[in-house]
C-alpha atoms as a PDB file:
ATOM      1  CA  ILE A   1      -0.204  -0.016   0.082  1.00  0.00           C
ATOM      2  CA  VAL A   2       1.763   3.522  -0.811  1.00  0.00           C
ATOM      3  CA  SER A   3       0.979   6.726   0.509  1.00  0.00           C
ATOM      4  CA  TYR A   4      -0.777   9.443  -0.626  1.00  0.00           C
ATOM      5  CA  SER A   5       1.908  11.619  -1.778  1.00  0.00           C
ATOM      6  CA  PHE A   6       0.146  14.868  -2.853  1.00  0.00           C
ATOM      7  CA  PRO A   7      -0.779  17.925  -0.857  1.00  0.00           C
ATOM      8  CA  VAL A   8      -4.338  18.313  -2.408  1.00  0.00           C
ATOM      9  CA  PHE A   9      -4.980  14.772  -0.760  1.00  0.00           C
ATOM     10  CA  ASP A  10      -4.425  16.445   2.696  1.00  0.00           C
ATOM     11  CA  ILE A  11      -6.177  19.766   2.194  1.00  0.00           C
ATOM     12  CA  VAL A  12      -9.389  17.979   1.014  1.00  0.00           C
ATOM     13  CA  ASN A  13      -9.043  15.382   3.798  1.00  0.00           C
ATOM     14  CA  LEU A  14      -8.707  17.943   6.338  1.00  0.00           C
ATOM     15  CA  VAL A  15     -11.341  20.560   4.968  1.00  0.00           C
ATOM     16  CA  THR A  16     -14.121  17.498   4.579  1.00  0.00           C
ATOM     17  CA  LEU A  17     -13.431  15.986   7.760  1.00  0.00           C
ATOM     18  CA  VAL A  18     -13.747  19.012   9.797  1.00  0.00           C
ATOM     19  CA  ILE A  19     -17.180  19.966   8.333  1.00  0.00           C
ATOM     20  CA  GLY A  20     -18.428  16.646   7.656  1.00  0.00           C
ATOM     21  CA  LEU A  21     -17.711  14.941  11.183  1.00  0.00           C
ATOM     22  CA  PRO A  22     -19.811  17.158  12.614  1.00  0.00           C
ATOM     23  CA  VAL A  23     -22.746  17.177  10.159  1.00  0.00           C
ATOM     24  CA  VAL A  24     -22.644  13.236  10.249  1.00  0.00           C
ATOM     25  CA  SER A  25     -22.745  13.198  14.003  1.00  0.00           C
ATOM     26  CA  LEU A  26     -25.479  15.899  13.994  1.00  0.00           C
ATOM     27  CA  ALA A  27     -27.583  13.981  11.550  1.00  0.00           C
ATOM     28  CA  LEU A  28     -26.924  10.657  13.417  1.00  0.00           C
ATOM     29  CA  TYR A  29     -28.066  12.115  16.646  1.00  0.00           C
ATOM     30  CA  VAL A  30     -31.459  13.713  14.672  1.00  0.00           C
ATOM     31  CA  VAL A  31     -32.298  10.457  12.876  1.00  0.00           C
ATOM     32  CA  TYR A  32     -31.816   8.494  16.428  1.00  0.00           C
ATOM     33  CA  ARG A  33     -33.661  10.776  18.354  1.00  0.00           C
ATOM     34  CA  GLN A  34     -36.816  11.059  15.624  1.00  0.00           C
ATOM     35  CA  PHE A  35     -36.462   7.078  14.899  1.00  0.00           C
ATOM     36  CA  LYS A  36     -39.868   5.213  15.261  1.00  0.00           C
ATOM     37  CA  ALA A  37     -40.692   1.323  14.593  1.00  0.00           C
ATOM     38  CA  ASN A  38     -42.689   2.123  11.432  1.00  0.00           C
ATOM     39  CA  HIS A  39     -40.014   3.964   9.796  1.00  0.00           C
ATOM     40  CA  VAL A  40     -38.114   1.340   8.412  1.00  0.00           C
ATOM     41  CA  ALA A  41     -36.068   3.400   6.158  1.00  0.00           C
ATOM     42  CA  SER A  42     -34.401   5.407   9.595  1.00  0.00           C
ATOM     43  CA  VAL A  43     -32.873   1.858  10.462  1.00  0.00           C
ATOM     44  CA  TYR A  44     -30.783   1.877   6.819  1.00  0.00           C
ATOM     45  CA  VAL A  45     -29.943   5.855   7.048  1.00  0.00           C
ATOM     46  CA  ILE A  46     -28.853   5.248  10.793  1.00  0.00           C
ATOM     47  CA  ASN A  47     -26.407   2.472   9.717  1.00  0.00           C
ATOM     48  CA  LEU A  48     -25.464   4.616   6.608  1.00  0.00           C
ATOM     49  CA  LEU A  49     -24.299   7.433   8.877  1.00  0.00           C
ATOM     50  CA  ILE A  50     -22.211   5.034  11.268  1.00  0.00           C
ATOM     51  CA  SER A  51     -20.860   3.367   8.273  1.00  0.00           C
ATOM     52  CA  ASP A  52     -19.796   7.228   7.262  1.00  0.00           C
ATOM     53  CA  ILE A  53     -18.424   7.823  10.480  1.00  0.00           C
ATOM     54  CA  ILE A  54     -16.414   4.841   9.950  1.00  0.00           C
ATOM     55  CA  GLN A  55     -14.439   6.427   7.235  1.00  0.00           C
ATOM     56  CA  PHE A  56     -13.993   9.709   8.993  1.00  0.00           C
ATOM     57  CA  LEU A  57     -12.005   7.366  11.792  1.00  0.00           C
ATOM     58  CA  GLY A  58      -9.857   6.098   8.646  1.00  0.00           C
ATOM     59  CA  ARG A  59      -8.755   9.235   7.588  1.00  0.00           C
ATOM     60  CA  PRO A  60      -5.729   9.644   9.867  1.00  0.00           C
ATOM     61  CA  PHE A  61      -3.767   7.114   7.316  1.00  0.00           C
ATOM     62  CA  ILE A  62      -2.673  10.044   5.713  1.00  0.00           C
ATOM     63  CA  TYR A  63      -0.963  11.669   8.527  1.00  0.00           C
ATOM     64  CA  LEU A  64      -0.054   7.936  10.424  1.00  0.00           C
ATOM     65  CA  PRO A  65       2.339   6.195   7.976  1.00  0.00           C
ATOM     66  CA  SER A  66       3.124   3.796  11.000  1.00  0.00           C
ATOM     67  CA  ALA A  67      -0.424   2.652  11.481  1.00  0.00           C
ATOM     68  CA  GLU A  68      -1.485   2.989   7.640  1.00  0.00           C
ATOM     69  CA  VAL A  69      -2.973  -0.297   7.538  1.00  0.00           C
ATOM     70  CA  ILE A  70      -4.917  -0.272  10.257  1.00  0.00           C
ATOM     71  CA  PHE A  71      -6.695   3.217   9.224  1.00  0.00           C
ATOM     72  CA  LEU A  72      -6.724   2.543   5.478  1.00  0.00           C
ATOM     73  CA  TYR A  73      -8.490  -0.686   5.741  1.00  0.00           C
ATOM     74  CA  THR A  74     -11.089   0.976   8.250  1.00  0.00           C
ATOM     75  CA  LEU A  75     -11.756   3.574   5.398  1.00  0.00           C
ATOM     76  CA  LEU A  76     -12.373   0.592   2.861  1.00  0.00           C
ATOM     77  CA  SER A  77     -14.661  -1.459   5.143  1.00  0.00           C
ATOM     78  CA  GLY A  78     -16.575   2.037   6.068  1.00  0.00           C
ATOM     79  CA  ILE A  79     -16.864   2.933   2.025  1.00  0.00           C
ATOM     80  CA  VAL A  80     -18.114  -0.875   1.516  1.00  0.00           C
ATOM     81  CA  SER A  81     -20.684  -1.135   4.085  1.00  0.00           C
ATOM     82  CA  SER A  82     -22.021   2.704   3.246  1.00  0.00           C
ATOM     83  CA  LEU A  83     -22.680   1.653  -0.500  1.00  0.00           C
ATOM     84  CA  GLY A  84     -24.519  -1.638   1.039  1.00  0.00           C
ATOM     85  CA  PHE A  85     -26.807   0.298   2.870  1.00  0.00           C
ATOM     86  CA  MET A  86     -27.349   2.627  -0.014  1.00  0.00           C
ATOM     87  CA  VAL A  87     -28.453  -0.307  -1.718  1.00  0.00           C
ATOM     88  CA  CYS A  88     -30.956  -1.340   0.846  1.00  0.00           C
ATOM     89  CA  ILE A  89     -32.778   2.377   0.564  1.00  0.00           C
ATOM     90  CA  ALA A  90     -33.007   2.040  -2.675  1.00  0.00           C
ATOM     91  CA  MET A  91     -34.273  -1.368  -2.461  1.00  0.00           C
ATOM     92  CA  GLU A  92     -36.817  -0.219   0.495  1.00  0.00           C
ATOM     93  CA  ARG A  93     -38.006   2.681  -1.734  1.00  0.00           C
ATOM     94  CA  TYR A  94     -38.753   0.163  -4.837  1.00  0.00           C
ATOM     95  CA  LEU A  95     -40.675  -2.090  -2.539  1.00  0.00           C
ATOM     96  CA  LEU A  96     -42.594   0.425  -0.904  1.00  0.00           C
ATOM     97  CA  ILE A  97     -44.006   1.846  -4.467  1.00  0.00           C
ATOM     98  CA  ALA A  98     -43.783  -1.155  -6.651  1.00  0.00           C
ATOM     99  CA  HIS A  99     -45.096  -3.368  -3.921  1.00  0.00           C
ATOM    100  CA  PRO A 100     -46.722  -2.211  -1.282  1.00  0.00           C
ATOM    101  CA  HIS A 101     -49.034  -4.817   0.261  1.00  0.00           C
ATOM    102  CA  TRP A 102     -46.266  -6.910   0.464  1.00  0.00           C
ATOM    103  CA  TYR A 103     -43.976  -3.975   2.132  1.00  0.00           C
ATOM    104  CA  ARG A 104     -46.731  -3.379   4.670  1.00  0.00           C
ATOM    105  CA  SER A 105     -46.827  -6.838   5.613  1.00  0.00           C
ATOM    106  CA  HIS A 106     -43.643  -8.425   5.360  1.00  0.00           C
ATOM    107  CA  PHE A 107     -41.025  -5.592   5.398  1.00  0.00           C
ATOM    108  CA  THR A 108     -41.149  -5.225   9.412  1.00  0.00           C
ATOM    109  CA  LEU A 109     -38.555  -3.332  11.863  1.00  0.00           C
ATOM    110  CA  LYS A 110     -36.993  -6.918  12.542  1.00  0.00           C
ATOM    111  CA  LEU A 111     -36.147  -7.891   8.818  1.00  0.00           C
ATOM    112  CA  SER A 112     -34.683  -4.138   8.145  1.00  0.00           C
ATOM    113  CA  VAL A 113     -32.240  -5.149  11.296  1.00  0.00           C
ATOM    114  CA  VAL A 114     -31.282  -8.722  10.421  1.00  0.00           C
ATOM    115  CA  SER A 115     -30.499  -7.089   6.389  1.00  0.00           C
ATOM    116  CA  SER A 116     -28.545  -4.522   7.978  1.00  0.00           C
ATOM    117  CA  LEU A 117     -26.467  -7.061  10.252  1.00  0.00           C
ATOM    118  CA  VAL A 118     -26.129  -9.426   7.097  1.00  0.00           C
ATOM    119  CA  VAL A 119     -24.080  -5.791   5.361  1.00  0.00           C
ATOM    120  CA  TRP A 120     -22.158  -5.555   8.223  1.00  0.00           C
ATOM    121  CA  LEU A 121     -20.904  -8.974   8.455  1.00  0.00           C
ATOM    122  CA  VAL A 122     -20.157  -8.951   4.597  1.00  0.00           C
ATOM    123  CA  SER A 123     -17.898  -6.216   5.025  1.00  0.00           C
ATOM    124  CA  LEU A 124     -16.059  -7.415   7.916  1.00  0.00           C
ATOM    125  CA  ALA A 125     -15.882 -10.954   5.641  1.00  0.00           C
ATOM    126  CA  ILE A 126     -14.062  -9.372   3.137  1.00  0.00           C
ATOM    127  CA  LEU A 127     -11.505  -7.252   5.160  1.00  0.00           C
ATOM    128  CA  PRO A 128      -8.725  -9.780   4.689  1.00  0.00           C
ATOM    129  CA  ILE A 129      -9.078  -9.040   0.909  1.00  0.00           C
ATOM    130  CA  ILE A 130     -10.274  -5.628   0.636  1.00  0.00           C
ATOM    131  CA  GLY A 131      -6.927  -4.420   0.695  1.00  0.00           C
ATOM    132  CA  PHE A 132      -6.033  -5.447  -2.958  1.00  0.00           C
ATOM    133  CA  PRO A 133      -7.318  -2.490  -5.469  1.00  0.00           C
ATOM    134  CA  LEU A 134      -8.659  -4.243  -8.020  1.00  0.00           C
ATOM    135  CA  PHE A 135     -11.200  -6.145  -5.906  1.00  0.00           C
ATOM    136  CA  PHE A 136     -11.726  -3.033  -4.131  1.00  0.00           C
ATOM    137  CA  ALA A 137     -12.778  -1.369  -7.670  1.00  0.00           C
ATOM    138  CA  THR A 138     -15.021  -4.409  -8.223  1.00  0.00           C
ATOM    139  CA  LEU A 139     -16.810  -4.081  -5.013  1.00  0.00           C
ATOM    140  CA  LEU A 140     -17.805  -0.283  -6.099  1.00  0.00           C
ATOM    141  CA  LEU A 141     -19.081  -1.724  -8.947  1.00  0.00           C
ATOM    142  CA  ILE A 142     -21.321  -4.344  -7.906  1.00  0.00           C
ATOM    143  CA  PRO A 143     -23.834  -1.973  -6.392  1.00  0.00           C
ATOM    144  CA  LEU A 144     -24.718   0.056  -9.462  1.00  0.00           C
ATOM    145  CA  PRO A 145     -26.778  -2.231 -11.500  1.00  0.00           C
ATOM    146  CA  LEU A 146     -28.740  -3.384  -8.333  1.00  0.00           C
ATOM    147  CA  LEU A 147     -29.294   0.687  -7.805  1.00  0.00           C
ATOM    148  CA  LEU A 148     -30.296   1.041 -11.678  1.00  0.00           C
ATOM    149  CA  PHE A 149     -32.781  -1.902 -11.121  1.00  0.00           C
ATOM    150  CA  PHE A 150     -34.262  -0.308  -8.251  1.00  0.00           C
ATOM    151  CA  PHE A 151     -34.616   3.014  -9.791  1.00  0.00           C
ATOM    152  CA  VAL A 152     -36.370   1.921 -13.056  1.00  0.00           C
ATOM    153  CA  GLY A 153     -38.605  -0.135 -10.693  1.00  0.00           C
ATOM    154  CA  THR A 154     -39.797   2.387  -8.796  1.00  0.00           C
ATOM    155  CA  TRP A 155     -40.243   4.628 -11.741  1.00  0.00           C
ATOM    156  CA  ARG A 156     -42.362   2.529 -13.452  1.00  0.00           C
ATOM    157  CA  GLY A 157     -44.289   1.619  -9.906  1.00  0.00           C
ATOM    158  CA  LEU A 158     -44.607   5.635  -9.861  1.00  0.00           C
ATOM    159  CA  SER A 159     -45.846   5.779 -13.350  1.00  0.00           C
ATOM    160  CA  LYS A 160     -49.033   3.714 -12.649  1.00  0.00           C
ATOM    161  CA  THR A 161     -49.791   5.228  -9.168  1.00  0.00           C
ATOM    162  CA  ILE A 162     -52.342   8.068  -9.141  1.00  0.00           C
ATOM    163  CA  THR A 163     -52.524   8.411  -5.084  1.00  0.00           C
ATOM    164  CA  LEU A 164     -49.491  10.415  -4.852  1.00  0.00           C
ATOM    165  CA  SER A 165     -48.675  13.837  -6.007  1.00  0.00           C
ATOM    166  CA  SER A 166     -46.425  14.951  -8.702  1.00  0.00           C
ATOM    167  CA  ARG A 167     -44.597  16.217  -5.880  1.00  0.00           C
ATOM    168  CA  GLU A 168     -44.073  13.468  -3.742  1.00  0.00           C
ATOM    169  CA  LYS A 169     -43.093  11.315  -7.282  1.00  0.00           C
ATOM    170  CA  LYS A 170     -40.085  13.926  -7.684  1.00  0.00           C
ATOM    171  CA  ARG A 171     -39.213  13.695  -4.351  1.00  0.00           C
ATOM    172  CA  ILE A 172     -39.041   9.625  -4.457  1.00  0.00           C
ATOM    173  CA  LEU A 173     -37.050  10.006  -7.594  1.00  0.00           C
ATOM    174  CA  ALA A 174     -34.889  12.541  -6.294  1.00  0.00           C
ATOM    175  CA  THR A 175     -33.730  10.354  -3.542  1.00  0.00           C
ATOM    176  CA  LEU A 176     -32.919   7.381  -5.524  1.00  0.00           C
ATOM    177  CA  LEU A 177     -31.107   9.790  -7.883  1.00  0.00           C
ATOM    178  CA  LEU A 178     -28.806  11.123  -4.970  1.00  0.00           C
ATOM    179  CA  VAL A 179     -27.911   7.618  -4.261  1.00  0.00           C
ATOM    180  CA  ILE A 180     -26.855   6.524  -7.845  1.00  0.00           C
ATOM    181  CA  ALA A 181     -25.328   9.936  -8.254  1.00  0.00           C
ATOM    182  CA  ASN A 182     -23.041   9.206  -5.119  1.00  0.00           C
ATOM    183  CA  CYS A 183     -22.045   6.062  -6.449  1.00  0.00           C
ATOM    184  CA  ALA A 184     -21.578   7.003  -9.974  1.00  0.00           C
ATOM    185  CA  LEU A 185     -19.642  10.212  -9.804  1.00  0.00           C
ATOM    186  CA  LEU A 186     -17.621   9.361  -6.654  1.00  0.00           C
ATOM    187  CA  PHE A 187     -16.751   6.044  -7.138  1.00  0.00           C
ATOM    188  CA  ILE A 188     -16.613   5.155 -11.379  1.00  0.00           C
ATOM    189  CA  PRO A 189     -13.636   7.603 -12.109  1.00  0.00           C
ATOM    190  CA  TYR A 190     -11.692   5.562  -9.525  1.00  0.00           C
ATOM    191  CA  ILE A 191     -12.956   2.187 -10.848  1.00  0.00           C
ATOM    192  CA  ILE A 192     -11.904   3.082 -14.367  1.00  0.00           C
ATOM    193  CA  SER A 193      -8.763   4.453 -13.309  1.00  0.00           C
ATOM    194  CA  ASN A 194      -7.693   1.429 -10.901  1.00  0.00           C
ATOM    195  CA  TYR A 195      -8.776  -1.108 -13.916  1.00  0.00           C
ATOM    196  CA  GLN A 196      -6.147   1.116 -15.870  1.00  0.00           C
ATOM    197  CA  ASN A 197      -3.768   0.648 -13.180  1.00  0.00           C
ATOM    198  CA  PRO A 198      -4.613  -1.929 -10.568  1.00  0.00           C
ATOM    199  CA  TYR A 199      -1.614  -2.152  -8.201  1.00  0.00           C
ATOM    200  CA  ASP A 200      -2.069   1.272  -6.566  1.00  0.00           C
ATOM    201  CA  PHE A 201      -4.931   3.015  -4.450  1.00  0.00           C
ATOM    202  CA  VAL A 202      -3.173   6.232  -5.122  1.00  0.00           C
ATOM    203  CA  HIS A 203      -4.953   7.999  -7.916  1.00  0.00           C
ATOM    204  CA  TRP A 204      -6.633  11.532  -8.783  1.00  0.00           C
ATOM    205  CA  GLU A 205      -9.801   9.815  -9.516  1.00  0.00           C
ATOM    206  CA  SER A 206     -10.189   8.749  -5.654  1.00  0.00           C
ATOM    207  CA  LEU A 207     -10.273  12.374  -4.220  1.00  0.00           C
ATOM    208  CA  PRO A 208     -14.150  12.409  -4.511  1.00  0.00           C
ATOM    209  CA  PHE A 209     -14.067   9.704  -2.119  1.00  0.00           C
ATOM    210  CA  TYR A 210     -13.749  12.411   0.668  1.00  0.00           C
ATOM    211  CA  PHE A 211     -16.856  14.375  -0.644  1.00  0.00           C
ATOM    212  CA  SER A 212     -19.000  10.714  -0.379  1.00  0.00           C
ATOM    213  CA  PRO A 213     -19.988  11.332   3.334  1.00  0.00           C
ATOM    214  CA  LEU A 214     -21.019  14.623   3.178  1.00  0.00           C
ATOM    215  CA  LEU A 215     -24.041  13.690   0.747  1.00  0.00           C
ATOM    216  CA  ASP A 216     -25.118  10.763   2.802  1.00  0.00           C
ATOM    217  CA  PRO A 217     -27.119  13.678   5.334  1.00  0.00           C
ATOM    218  CA  LEU A 218     -29.132  14.720   2.590  1.00  0.00           C
ATOM    219  CA  LEU A 219     -30.635  11.316   2.417  1.00  0.00           C
ATOM    220  CA  TYR A 220     -32.440  11.770   5.732  1.00  0.00           C
ATOM    221  CA  ILE A 221     -34.179  14.742   4.322  1.00  0.00           C
ATOM    222  CA  PHE A 222     -35.660  13.568   1.417  1.00  0.00           C
ATOM    223  CA  ILE A 223     -36.788   9.854   3.249  1.00  0.00           C
ATOM    224  CA  ARG A 224     -38.056  12.214   6.278  1.00  0.00           C
ATOM    225  CA  LYS A 225     -40.175  13.748   4.044  1.00  0.00           C
ATOM    226  CA  ASP A 226     -41.626  11.323   1.650  1.00  0.00           C
ATOM    227  CA  ILE A 227     -42.051   8.056   3.748  1.00  0.00           C
ATOM    228  CA  LYS A 228     -44.688   9.531   5.949  1.00  0.00           C
ATOM    229  CA  GLY A 229     -46.575  10.863   2.513  1.00  0.00           C
ATOM    230  CA  ILE A 230     -46.426   7.705   1.033  1.00  0.00           C
ATOM    231  CA  MET A 231     -47.529   5.765   3.917  1.00  0.00           C
ATOM    232  CA  GLU A 232     -50.736   8.051   4.246  1.00  0.00           C
ATOM    233  CA  GLU A 233     -51.540   7.868   0.271  1.00  0.00           C
ATOM    234  CA  PHE A 234     -51.442   4.191  -0.371  1.00  0.00           C
ATOM    235  CA  PRO A 235     -54.692   2.588   1.396  1.00  0.00           C
ATOM    236  CA  CYS A 236     -52.714  -0.606   2.062  1.00  0.00           C
ATOM    237  CA  CYS A 237     -50.249   1.040   4.389  1.00  0.00           C
ATOM    238  CA  ARG A 238     -52.594   2.977   6.395  1.00  0.00           C
ATOM    239  CA  LYS A 239     -53.348   2.293  10.097  1.00  0.00           C
ATOM    240  CA  SER A 240     -56.474   3.522  11.442  1.00  0.00           C
ATOM    241  CA  PRO A 241     -55.687   5.735  14.580  1.00  0.00           C
ATOM    242  CA  ARG A 242     -56.123   4.849  18.017  1.00  0.00           C
ATOM    243  CA  ASN A 243     -57.853   8.262  18.337  1.00  0.00           C
ATOM    244  CA  GLU A 244     -60.691   7.359  15.857  1.00  0.00           C
ATOM    245  CA  GLU A 245     -61.121   4.037  17.422  1.00  0.00           C
ATOM    246  CA  GLN A 246     -61.492   5.657  21.215  1.00  0.00           C
ATOM    247  CA  ILE A 247     -64.135   8.704  19.653  1.00  0.00           C
ATOM    248  CA  VAL A 248     -66.103   5.889  18.032  1.00  0.00           C
ATOM    249  CA  SER A 249     -66.622   4.044  21.067  1.00  0.00           C
ATOM    250  CA  SER A 250     -66.860   6.590  23.466  1.00  0.00           C
ATOM    251  CA  ILE A 251     -69.739   7.429  21.028  1.00  0.00           C
ATOM    252  CA  ALA A 252     -71.166   4.173  21.078  1.00  0.00           C
ATOM    253  CA  VAL A 253     -71.371   4.221  24.808  1.00  0.00           C
ATOM    254  CA  SER A 254     -72.807   7.464  25.407  1.00  0.00           C
ATOM    255  CA  GLU A 255     -75.400   6.306  23.084  1.00  0.00           C
ATOM    256  CA  ASN A 256     -75.962   3.407  24.984  1.00  0.00           C
ATOM    257  CA  THR A 257     -76.118   5.368  28.193  1.00  0.00           C
ATOM    258  CA  ARG A 258     -79.028   7.565  26.613  1.00  0.00           C
ATOM    259  CA  SER A 259     -81.150   4.510  25.162  1.00  0.00           C
ATOM    260  CA  GLY A 260     -80.787   3.170  28.854  1.00  0.00           C
END
């Protein structure tokens, strides 16, 4: 593994670290505080933000060459796990739109926690071989076909849906486009460069890696706004409020009292 020798990497790393770590930490705190059991997407967003923090913890490998391997592997594992949770977020959007009945009856909090655990276990299992540049570039390439599939499926599902407003549809698609843009624009240049020179992590094309965690808090903003609207618009996803049940029961009791 070769150390970064370009001063621009040190500058970009420091700036994004100073800005990104507080922003991601604040977003993680807000998501955790507002987490509810029926907001399954929040589970993936929480894990995504945790993976961003892991990436930040691996940033010192630039300044500490003696512990370069430990910090670099931490950074790479954080990148891989964040891609996994981006795929989970896109999958959740797809199931919510294309298969709302299945989503309502099967996609529980337990399932989201189990799938999140699988992502973490996979990122740990591949840790011994993640240090090979060519293998790492291949891992970055795998999520893109899945993200495109979920985007197309969600777009088709939205085109057939009449219960959602055009504003809600645009917000849902914007969420997936943000995920795809994060993966494509930030990682594809590195993937192409790595296949051309598969013996070193040091590429100018890897510079966008440092900006990846800065985009993830935006996902929470999109998801928080559209998840509630979708659940309210789809009749199969609605829950009868307990307040209404109490009102109905109180009216029934009062009528029985009067009749008596």
